PDB file of all heavy atoms in Angstrom:
ATOM      1  N   MET A   1       2.357  -2.261   5.073  1.00  0.00           N
ATOM      2  CA  MET A   1       1.492  -1.052   5.091  1.00  0.00           C
ATOM      3  C   MET A   1       0.912  -0.758   3.647  1.00  0.00           C
ATOM      4  O   MET A   1      -0.249  -0.433   3.509  1.00  0.00           O
ATOM      5  CB  MET A   1       2.287   0.122   5.637  1.00  0.00           C
ATOM      6  CG  MET A   1       2.470   0.045   7.153  1.00  0.00           C
ATOM      7  SD  MET A   1       3.190   1.526   7.840  1.00  0.00           S
ATOM      8  CE  MET A   1       4.820   1.467   7.226  1.00  0.00           C
ATOM      9  N   VAL A   2       1.739  -0.756   2.663  1.00  0.00           N
ATOM     10  CA  VAL A   2       1.290  -0.476   1.284  1.00  0.00           C
ATOM     11  C   VAL A   2       0.359  -1.580   0.881  1.00  0.00           C
ATOM     12  O   VAL A   2      -0.752  -1.195   0.357  1.00  0.00           O
ATOM     13  CB  VAL A   2       2.516  -0.412   0.314  1.00  0.00           C
ATOM     14  CG1 VAL A   2       2.046  -0.321  -1.120  1.00  0.00           C
ATOM     15  CG2 VAL A   2       3.446   0.794   0.651  1.00  0.00           C
ATOM     16  N   LEU A   3       0.641  -2.837   1.053  1.00  0.00           N
ATOM     17  CA  LEU A   3      -0.295  -3.861   0.685  1.00  0.00           C
ATOM     18  C   LEU A   3      -1.574  -3.753   1.418  1.00  0.00           C
ATOM     19  O   LEU A   3      -2.721  -3.958   0.923  1.00  0.00           O
ATOM     20  CB  LEU A   3       0.302  -5.245   0.872  1.00  0.00           C
ATOM     21  CG  LEU A   3      -0.518  -6.385   0.471  1.00  0.00           C
ATOM     22  CD1 LEU A   3      -0.817  -6.418  -0.984  1.00  0.00           C
ATOM     23  CD2 LEU A   3       0.216  -7.730   0.850  1.00  0.00           C
ATOM     24  N   GLY A   4      -1.583  -3.389   2.755  1.00  0.00           N
ATOM     25  CA  GLY A   4      -2.781  -3.213   3.565  1.00  0.00           C
ATOM     26  C   GLY A   4      -3.659  -2.121   2.978  1.00  0.00           C
ATOM     27  O   GLY A   4      -4.910  -2.222   2.935  1.00  0.00           O
ATOM     28  N   GLY A   5      -3.051  -1.030   2.494  1.00  0.00           N
ATOM     29  CA  GLY A   5      -3.820   0.089   1.868  1.00  0.00           C
ATOM     30  C   GLY A   5      -4.448  -0.451   0.536  1.00  0.00           C
ATOM     31  O   GLY A   5      -5.626  -0.092   0.352  1.00  0.00           O
ATOM     32  N   VAL A   6      -3.755  -1.228  -0.211  1.00  0.00           N
ATOM     33  CA  VAL A   6      -4.389  -1.717  -1.455  1.00  0.00           C
ATOM     34  C   VAL A   6      -5.566  -2.729  -1.137  1.00  0.00           C
ATOM     35  O   VAL A   6      -6.623  -2.620  -1.749  1.00  0.00           O
ATOM     36  CB  VAL A   6      -3.355  -2.395  -2.391  1.00  0.00           C
ATOM     37  CG1 VAL A   6      -3.995  -3.082  -3.585  1.00  0.00           C
ATOM     38  CG2 VAL A   6      -2.275  -1.383  -2.813  1.00  0.00           C
ATOM     39  N   ILE A   7      -5.353  -3.515  -0.140  1.00  0.00           N
ATOM     40  CA  ILE A   7      -6.392  -4.512   0.264  1.00  0.00           C
ATOM     41  C   ILE A   7      -7.618  -3.703   0.760  1.00  0.00           C
ATOM     42  O   ILE A   7      -8.758  -4.051   0.424  1.00  0.00           O
ATOM     43  CB  ILE A   7      -5.932  -5.501   1.377  1.00  0.00           C
ATOM     44  CG1 ILE A   7      -4.894  -6.440   0.723  1.00  0.00           C
ATOM     45  CG2 ILE A   7      -7.058  -6.229   2.013  1.00  0.00           C
ATOM     46  CD1 ILE A   7      -4.044  -7.271   1.792  1.00  0.00           C
ATOM     47  N   TRP A   8      -7.388  -2.684   1.551  1.00  0.00           N
ATOM     48  CA  TRP A   8      -8.493  -1.819   2.044  1.00  0.00           C
ATOM     49  C   TRP A   8      -9.347  -1.354   0.872  1.00  0.00           C
ATOM     50  O   TRP A   8     -10.535  -1.393   0.868  1.00  0.00           O
ATOM     51  CB  TRP A   8      -8.015  -0.713   2.931  1.00  0.00           C
ATOM     52  CG  TRP A   8      -9.040   0.237   3.335  1.00  0.00           C
ATOM     53  CD1 TRP A   8      -9.259   1.467   2.759  1.00  0.00           C
ATOM     54  CD2 TRP A   8      -9.956   0.117   4.356  1.00  0.00           C
ATOM     55  NE1 TRP A   8     -10.314   2.039   3.388  1.00  0.00           N
ATOM     56  CE2 TRP A   8     -10.784   1.268   4.386  1.00  0.00           C
ATOM     57  CE3 TRP A   8     -10.195  -0.865   5.356  1.00  0.00           C
ATOM     58  CZ2 TRP A   8     -11.771   1.441   5.271  1.00  0.00           C
ATOM     59  CZ3 TRP A   8     -11.207  -0.652   6.260  1.00  0.00           C
ATOM     60  CH2 TRP A   8     -12.008   0.443   6.235  1.00  0.00           C
ATOM     61  N   GLU A   9      -8.665  -0.679  -0.106  1.00  0.00           N
ATOM     62  CA  GLU A   9      -9.351  -0.108  -1.250  1.00  0.00           C
ATOM     63  C   GLU A   9     -10.014  -1.172  -2.088  1.00  0.00           C
ATOM     64  O   GLU A   9     -11.090  -0.893  -2.651  1.00  0.00           O
ATOM     65  CB  GLU A   9      -8.338   0.711  -2.099  1.00  0.00           C
ATOM     66  CG  GLU A   9      -8.026   2.057  -1.598  1.00  0.00           C
ATOM     67  CD  GLU A   9      -9.259   2.933  -1.463  1.00  0.00           C
ATOM     68  OE1 GLU A   9      -9.921   3.136  -2.521  1.00  0.00           O
ATOM     69  OE2 GLU A   9      -9.536   3.415  -0.427  1.00  0.00           O
ATOM     70  N   TYR A  10      -9.303  -2.321  -2.209  1.00  0.00           N
ATOM     71  CA  TYR A  10      -9.884  -3.412  -3.011  1.00  0.00           C
ATOM     72  C   TYR A  10     -11.287  -3.869  -2.442  1.00  0.00           C
ATOM     73  O   TYR A  10     -12.316  -3.967  -3.117  1.00  0.00           O
ATOM     74  CB  TYR A  10      -8.991  -4.601  -2.922  1.00  0.00           C
ATOM     75  CG  TYR A  10      -9.469  -5.853  -3.709  1.00  0.00           C
ATOM     76  CD1 TYR A  10      -9.378  -5.936  -5.131  1.00  0.00           C
ATOM     77  CD2 TYR A  10      -9.979  -6.922  -3.027  1.00  0.00           C
ATOM     78  CE1 TYR A  10      -9.784  -7.077  -5.777  1.00  0.00           C
ATOM     79  CE2 TYR A  10     -10.385  -8.049  -3.686  1.00  0.00           C
ATOM     80  CZ  TYR A  10     -10.277  -8.095  -5.087  1.00  0.00           C
ATOM     81  OH  TYR A  10     -10.707  -9.215  -5.786  1.00  0.00           O
ATOM     82  N   PHE A  11     -11.320  -4.068  -1.116  1.00  0.00           N
ATOM     83  CA  PHE A  11     -12.573  -4.534  -0.499  1.00  0.00           C
ATOM     84  C   PHE A  11     -13.565  -3.329  -0.423  1.00  0.00           C
ATOM     85  O   PHE A  11     -14.813  -3.580  -0.490  1.00  0.00           O
ATOM     86  CB  PHE A  11     -12.364  -5.156   0.893  1.00  0.00           C
ATOM     87  CG  PHE A  11     -11.808  -6.539   0.758  1.00  0.00           C
ATOM     88  CD1 PHE A  11     -10.528  -6.869   1.056  1.00  0.00           C
ATOM     89  CD2 PHE A  11     -12.641  -7.622   0.282  1.00  0.00           C
ATOM     90  CE1 PHE A  11     -10.071  -8.136   0.962  1.00  0.00           C
ATOM     91  CE2 PHE A  11     -12.178  -8.851   0.125  1.00  0.00           C
ATOM     92  CZ  PHE A  11     -10.835  -9.158   0.522  1.00  0.00           C
ATOM     93  N   ARG A  12     -13.132  -2.129  -0.256  1.00  0.00           N
ATOM     94  CA  ARG A  12     -13.970  -1.030  -0.241  1.00  0.00           C
ATOM     95  C   ARG A  12     -14.790  -0.816  -1.564  1.00  0.00           C
ATOM     96  O   ARG A  12     -15.810  -0.438  -1.582  1.00  0.00           O
ATOM     97  CB  ARG A  12     -13.207   0.262   0.078  1.00  0.00           C
ATOM     98  CG  ARG A  12     -14.024   1.391   0.536  1.00  0.00           C
ATOM     99  CD  ARG A  12     -13.147   2.549   1.054  1.00  0.00           C
ATOM    100  NE  ARG A  12     -12.461   3.200  -0.072  1.00  0.00           N
ATOM    101  CZ  ARG A  12     -13.030   4.151  -0.824  1.00  0.00           C
ATOM    102  NH1 ARG A  12     -14.243   4.563  -0.554  1.00  0.00           N
ATOM    103  NH2 ARG A  12     -12.346   4.811  -1.716  1.00  0.00           N
ATOM    104  N   ASN A  13     -14.082  -1.253  -2.662  1.00  0.00           N
ATOM    105  CA  ASN A  13     -14.683  -0.949  -4.025  1.00  0.00           C
ATOM    106  C   ASN A  13     -15.169  -2.343  -4.691  1.00  0.00           C
ATOM    107  O   ASN A  13     -15.613  -2.252  -5.793  1.00  0.00           O
ATOM    108  CB  ASN A  13     -13.587  -0.394  -4.977  1.00  0.00           C
ATOM    109  CG  ASN A  13     -13.432   1.040  -4.662  1.00  0.00           C
ATOM    110  OD1 ASN A  13     -14.162   1.880  -5.006  1.00  0.00           O
ATOM    111  ND2 ASN A  13     -12.346   1.339  -3.991  1.00  0.00           N
ATOM    112  N   LEU A  14     -15.067  -3.405  -3.963  1.00  0.00           N
ATOM    113  CA  LEU A  14     -15.354  -4.703  -4.564  1.00  0.00           C
ATOM    114  C   LEU A  14     -16.788  -4.869  -5.131  1.00  0.00           C
ATOM    115  O   LEU A  14     -17.031  -5.386  -6.198  1.00  0.00           O
ATOM    116  CB  LEU A  14     -15.087  -5.872  -3.552  1.00  0.00           C
ATOM    117  CG  LEU A  14     -15.105  -7.276  -4.093  1.00  0.00           C
ATOM    118  CD1 LEU A  14     -14.060  -7.429  -5.218  1.00  0.00           C
ATOM    119  CD2 LEU A  14     -14.817  -8.256  -3.048  1.00  0.00           C
ATOM    120  N   HIS A  15     -17.779  -4.246  -4.434  1.00  0.00           N
ATOM    121  CA  HIS A  15     -19.220  -4.380  -4.838  1.00  0.00           C
ATOM    122  C   HIS A  15     -19.724  -3.063  -5.390  1.00  0.00           C
ATOM    123  O   HIS A  15     -20.953  -2.954  -5.444  1.00  0.00           O
ATOM    124  CB  HIS A  15     -20.024  -4.930  -3.691  1.00  0.00           C
ATOM    125  CG  HIS A  15     -19.573  -6.327  -3.293  1.00  0.00           C
ATOM    126  ND1 HIS A  15     -19.698  -7.391  -4.051  1.00  0.00           N
ATOM    127  CD2 HIS A  15     -18.961  -6.752  -2.215  1.00  0.00           C
ATOM    128  CE1 HIS A  15     -19.215  -8.463  -3.469  1.00  0.00           C
ATOM    129  NE2 HIS A  15     -18.749  -8.109  -2.313  1.00  0.00           N
ATOM    130  N   ASN A  16     -18.911  -2.146  -5.706  1.00  0.00           N
ATOM    131  CA  ASN A  16     -19.336  -0.938  -6.304  1.00  0.00           C
ATOM    132  C   ASN A  16     -19.450  -1.070  -7.726  1.00  0.00           C
ATOM    133  O   ASN A  16     -18.507  -1.121  -8.476  1.00  0.00           O
ATOM    134  CB  ASN A  16     -18.276   0.242  -5.924  1.00  0.00           C
ATOM    135  CG  ASN A  16     -18.750   1.535  -6.357  1.00  0.00           C
ATOM    136  OD1 ASN A  16     -19.742   1.750  -7.055  1.00  0.00           O
ATOM    137  ND2 ASN A  16     -18.030   2.554  -5.937  1.00  0.00           N
ATOM    138  N   ASP A  17     -20.723  -1.064  -8.285  1.00  0.00           N
ATOM    139  CA  ASP A  17     -20.968  -1.324  -9.690  1.00  0.00           C
ATOM    140  C   ASP A  17     -20.449  -0.193 -10.514  1.00  0.00           C
ATOM    141  O   ASP A  17     -20.337  -0.267 -11.763  1.00  0.00           O
ATOM    142  CB  ASP A  17     -22.425  -1.555  -9.943  1.00  0.00           C
ATOM    143  CG  ASP A  17     -22.841  -2.933  -9.382  1.00  0.00           C
ATOM    144  OD1 ASP A  17     -22.020  -3.819  -9.243  1.00  0.00           O
ATOM    145  OD2 ASP A  17     -24.043  -3.073  -9.049  1.00  0.00           O
ATOM    146  N   ASP A  18     -20.261   1.014  -9.975  1.00  0.00           N
ATOM    147  CA  ASP A  18     -19.842   2.178 -10.782  1.00  0.00           C
ATOM    148  C   ASP A  18     -18.338   2.241 -10.970  1.00  0.00           C
ATOM    149  O   ASP A  18     -17.805   3.202 -11.515  1.00  0.00           O
ATOM    150  CB  ASP A  18     -20.318   3.480 -10.058  1.00  0.00           C
ATOM    151  CG  ASP A  18     -21.788   3.580 -10.009  1.00  0.00           C
ATOM    152  OD1 ASP A  18     -22.441   2.945 -10.891  1.00  0.00           O
ATOM    153  OD2 ASP A  18     -22.319   4.260  -9.115  1.00  0.00           O
ATOM    154  N   SER A  19     -17.550   1.233 -10.495  1.00  0.00           N
ATOM    155  CA  SER A  19     -16.144   1.382 -10.537  1.00  0.00           C
ATOM    156  C   SER A  19     -15.457   0.189 -11.122  1.00  0.00           C
ATOM    157  O   SER A  19     -14.513  -0.344 -10.488  1.00  0.00           O
ATOM    158  CB  SER A  19     -15.649   1.636  -9.049  1.00  0.00           C
ATOM    159  OG  SER A  19     -15.916   0.470  -8.293  1.00  0.00           O
ATOM    160  N   ARG A  20     -15.818  -0.312 -12.299  1.00  0.00           N
ATOM    161  CA  ARG A  20     -15.158  -1.440 -12.904  1.00  0.00           C
ATOM    162  C   ARG A  20     -13.707  -1.179 -13.177  1.00  0.00           C
ATOM    163  O   ARG A  20     -12.876  -2.086 -12.931  1.00  0.00           O
ATOM    164  CB  ARG A  20     -15.863  -1.749 -14.224  1.00  0.00           C
ATOM    165  CG  ARG A  20     -17.091  -2.546 -14.076  1.00  0.00           C
ATOM    166  CD  ARG A  20     -17.576  -2.955 -15.406  1.00  0.00           C
ATOM    167  NE  ARG A  20     -18.670  -3.960 -15.146  1.00  0.00           N
ATOM    168  CZ  ARG A  20     -19.306  -4.528 -16.128  1.00  0.00           C
ATOM    169  NH1 ARG A  20     -19.115  -4.174 -17.314  1.00  0.00           N
ATOM    170  NH2 ARG A  20     -20.260  -5.381 -15.821  1.00  0.00           N
ATOM    171  N   THR A  21     -13.398  -0.005 -13.634  1.00  0.00           N
ATOM    172  CA  THR A  21     -11.961   0.294 -13.889  1.00  0.00           C
ATOM    173  C   THR A  21     -11.176   0.375 -12.610  1.00  0.00           C
ATOM    174  O   THR A  21     -10.046  -0.047 -12.612  1.00  0.00           O
ATOM    175  CB  THR A  21     -11.858   1.668 -14.686  1.00  0.00           C
ATOM    176  OG1 THR A  21     -12.811   1.673 -15.735  1.00  0.00           O
ATOM    177  CG2 THR A  21     -10.489   1.929 -15.197  1.00  0.00           C
ATOM    178  N   VAL A  22     -11.827   0.895 -11.586  1.00  0.00           N
ATOM    179  CA  VAL A  22     -11.109   0.981 -10.274  1.00  0.00           C
ATOM    180  C   VAL A  22     -10.804  -0.450  -9.883  1.00  0.00           C
ATOM    181  O   VAL A  22      -9.723  -0.811  -9.401  1.00  0.00           O
ATOM    182  CB  VAL A  22     -11.946   1.697  -9.252  1.00  0.00           C
ATOM    183  CG1 VAL A  22     -11.421   1.499  -7.831  1.00  0.00           C
ATOM    184  CG2 VAL A  22     -12.100   3.174  -9.552  1.00  0.00           C
ATOM    185  N   ARG A  23     -11.848  -1.330  -9.958  1.00  0.00           N
ATOM    186  CA  ARG A  23     -11.594  -2.701  -9.495  1.00  0.00           C
ATOM    187  C   ARG A  23     -10.657  -3.487 -10.367  1.00  0.00           C
ATOM    188  O   ARG A  23      -9.825  -4.261  -9.851  1.00  0.00           O
ATOM    189  CB  ARG A  23     -13.006  -3.477  -9.500  1.00  0.00           C
ATOM    190  CG  ARG A  23     -13.851  -2.918  -8.358  1.00  0.00           C
ATOM    191  CD  ARG A  23     -15.169  -3.741  -8.263  1.00  0.00           C
ATOM    192  NE  ARG A  23     -15.963  -3.194  -9.414  1.00  0.00           N
ATOM    193  CZ  ARG A  23     -17.101  -3.785  -9.869  1.00  0.00           C
ATOM    194  NH1 ARG A  23     -17.551  -4.803  -9.307  1.00  0.00           N
ATOM    195  NH2 ARG A  23     -17.794  -3.170 -10.922  1.00  0.00           N
ATOM    196  N   LEU A  24     -10.544  -3.140 -11.654  1.00  0.00           N
ATOM    197  CA  LEU A  24      -9.543  -3.787 -12.518  1.00  0.00           C
ATOM    198  C   LEU A  24      -8.134  -3.410 -12.025  1.00  0.00           C
ATOM    199  O   LEU A  24      -7.303  -4.251 -11.835  1.00  0.00           O
ATOM    200  CB  LEU A  24      -9.803  -3.334 -13.947  1.00  0.00           C
ATOM    201  CG  LEU A  24      -8.684  -3.771 -14.967  1.00  0.00           C
ATOM    202  CD1 LEU A  24      -8.529  -5.273 -15.019  1.00  0.00           C
ATOM    203  CD2 LEU A  24      -8.813  -3.103 -16.323  1.00  0.00           C
ATOM    204  N   GLY A  25      -7.979  -2.035 -11.823  1.00  0.00           N
ATOM    205  CA  GLY A  25      -6.652  -1.590 -11.387  1.00  0.00           C
ATOM    206  C   GLY A  25      -6.252  -2.159 -10.054  1.00  0.00           C
ATOM    207  O   GLY A  25      -5.134  -2.621  -9.794  1.00  0.00           O
ATOM    208  N   LEU A  26      -7.201  -2.167  -9.127  1.00  0.00           N
ATOM    209  CA  LEU A  26      -6.867  -2.720  -7.818  1.00  0.00           C
ATOM    210  C   LEU A  26      -6.631  -4.209  -7.806  1.00  0.00           C
ATOM    211  O   LEU A  26      -5.717  -4.713  -7.125  1.00  0.00           O
ATOM    212  CB  LEU A  26      -8.069  -2.394  -6.829  1.00  0.00           C
ATOM    213  CG  LEU A  26      -8.127  -0.971  -6.371  1.00  0.00           C
ATOM    214  CD1 LEU A  26      -9.449  -0.735  -5.690  1.00  0.00           C
ATOM    215  CD2 LEU A  26      -6.936  -0.605  -5.555  1.00  0.00           C
ATOM    216  N   SER A  27      -7.369  -4.998  -8.683  1.00  0.00           N
ATOM    217  CA  SER A  27      -7.167  -6.395  -8.774  1.00  0.00           C
ATOM    218  C   SER A  27      -5.777  -6.710  -9.334  1.00  0.00           C
ATOM    219  O   SER A  27      -5.071  -7.617  -8.815  1.00  0.00           O
ATOM    220  CB  SER A  27      -8.190  -7.074  -9.698  1.00  0.00           C
ATOM    221  OG  SER A  27      -9.474  -6.994  -9.103  1.00  0.00           O
ATOM    222  N   MET A  28      -5.351  -5.908 -10.333  1.00  0.00           N
ATOM    223  CA  MET A  28      -4.032  -6.133 -10.833  1.00  0.00           C
ATOM    224  C   MET A  28      -2.923  -5.805  -9.847  1.00  0.00           C
ATOM    225  O   MET A  28      -1.922  -6.585  -9.602  1.00  0.00           O
ATOM    226  CB  MET A  28      -3.870  -5.231 -12.070  1.00  0.00           C
ATOM    227  CG  MET A  28      -4.706  -5.703 -13.253  1.00  0.00           C
ATOM    228  SD  MET A  28      -4.786  -4.502 -14.574  1.00  0.00           S
ATOM    229  CE  MET A  28      -3.134  -4.444 -15.230  1.00  0.00           C
ATOM    230  N   ALA A  29      -3.070  -4.638  -9.197  1.00  0.00           N
ATOM    231  CA  ALA A  29      -2.038  -4.221  -8.225  1.00  0.00           C
ATOM    232  C   ALA A  29      -2.016  -5.266  -6.980  1.00  0.00           C
ATOM    233  O   ALA A  29      -1.019  -5.595  -6.490  1.00  0.00           O
ATOM    234  CB  ALA A  29      -2.331  -2.833  -7.699  1.00  0.00           C
ATOM    235  N   LEU A  30      -3.211  -5.701  -6.579  1.00  0.00           N
ATOM    236  CA  LEU A  30      -3.228  -6.583  -5.496  1.00  0.00           C
ATOM    237  C   LEU A  30      -2.618  -8.002  -5.803  1.00  0.00           C
ATOM    238  O   LEU A  30      -1.892  -8.560  -5.046  1.00  0.00           O
ATOM    239  CB  LEU A  30      -4.727  -6.777  -4.988  1.00  0.00           C
ATOM    240  CG  LEU A  30      -4.900  -7.591  -3.737  1.00  0.00           C
ATOM    241  CD1 LEU A  30      -4.106  -7.130  -2.588  1.00  0.00           C
ATOM    242  CD2 LEU A  30      -6.372  -7.710  -3.378  1.00  0.00           C
ATOM    243  N   GLY A  31      -2.946  -8.500  -6.999  1.00  0.00           N
ATOM    244  CA  GLY A  31      -2.329  -9.768  -7.468  1.00  0.00           C
ATOM    245  C   GLY A  31      -0.837  -9.728  -7.445  1.00  0.00           C
ATOM    246  O   GLY A  31      -0.165 -10.656  -6.949  1.00  0.00           O
ATOM    247  N   GLY A  32      -0.258  -8.667  -7.959  1.00  0.00           N
ATOM    248  CA  GLY A  32       1.179  -8.557  -8.027  1.00  0.00           C
ATOM    249  C   GLY A  32       1.706  -8.334  -6.652  1.00  0.00           C
ATOM    250  O   GLY A  32       2.789  -8.875  -6.226  1.00  0.00           O
ATOM    251  N   GLY A  33       1.045  -7.450  -5.943  1.00  0.00           N
ATOM    252  CA  GLY A  33       1.580  -7.103  -4.558  1.00  0.00           C
ATOM    253  C   GLY A  33       1.529  -8.343  -3.604  1.00  0.00           C
ATOM    254  O   GLY A  33       2.458  -8.472  -2.819  1.00  0.00           O
ATOM    255  N   LEU A  34       0.549  -9.123  -3.755  1.00  0.00           N
ATOM    256  CA  LEU A  34       0.377 -10.291  -2.858  1.00  0.00           C
ATOM    257  C   LEU A  34       1.548 -11.291  -3.110  1.00  0.00           C
ATOM    258  O   LEU A  34       2.213 -11.854  -2.261  1.00  0.00           O
ATOM    259  CB  LEU A  34      -0.955 -11.006  -2.994  1.00  0.00           C
ATOM    260  CG  LEU A  34      -2.167 -10.388  -2.322  1.00  0.00           C
ATOM    261  CD1 LEU A  34      -3.427 -11.095  -2.696  1.00  0.00           C
ATOM    262  CD2 LEU A  34      -1.979 -10.528  -0.790  1.00  0.00           C
TER     263      LEU A  34
END
């Protein structure tokens, strides 16, 4: 469930050009979580 939430947010923000910091944090959390 936790990993699913991070994946959801990751893909929701993947192409949002205004959220580089968000994508950095999500990429880091997702890499470790996976």
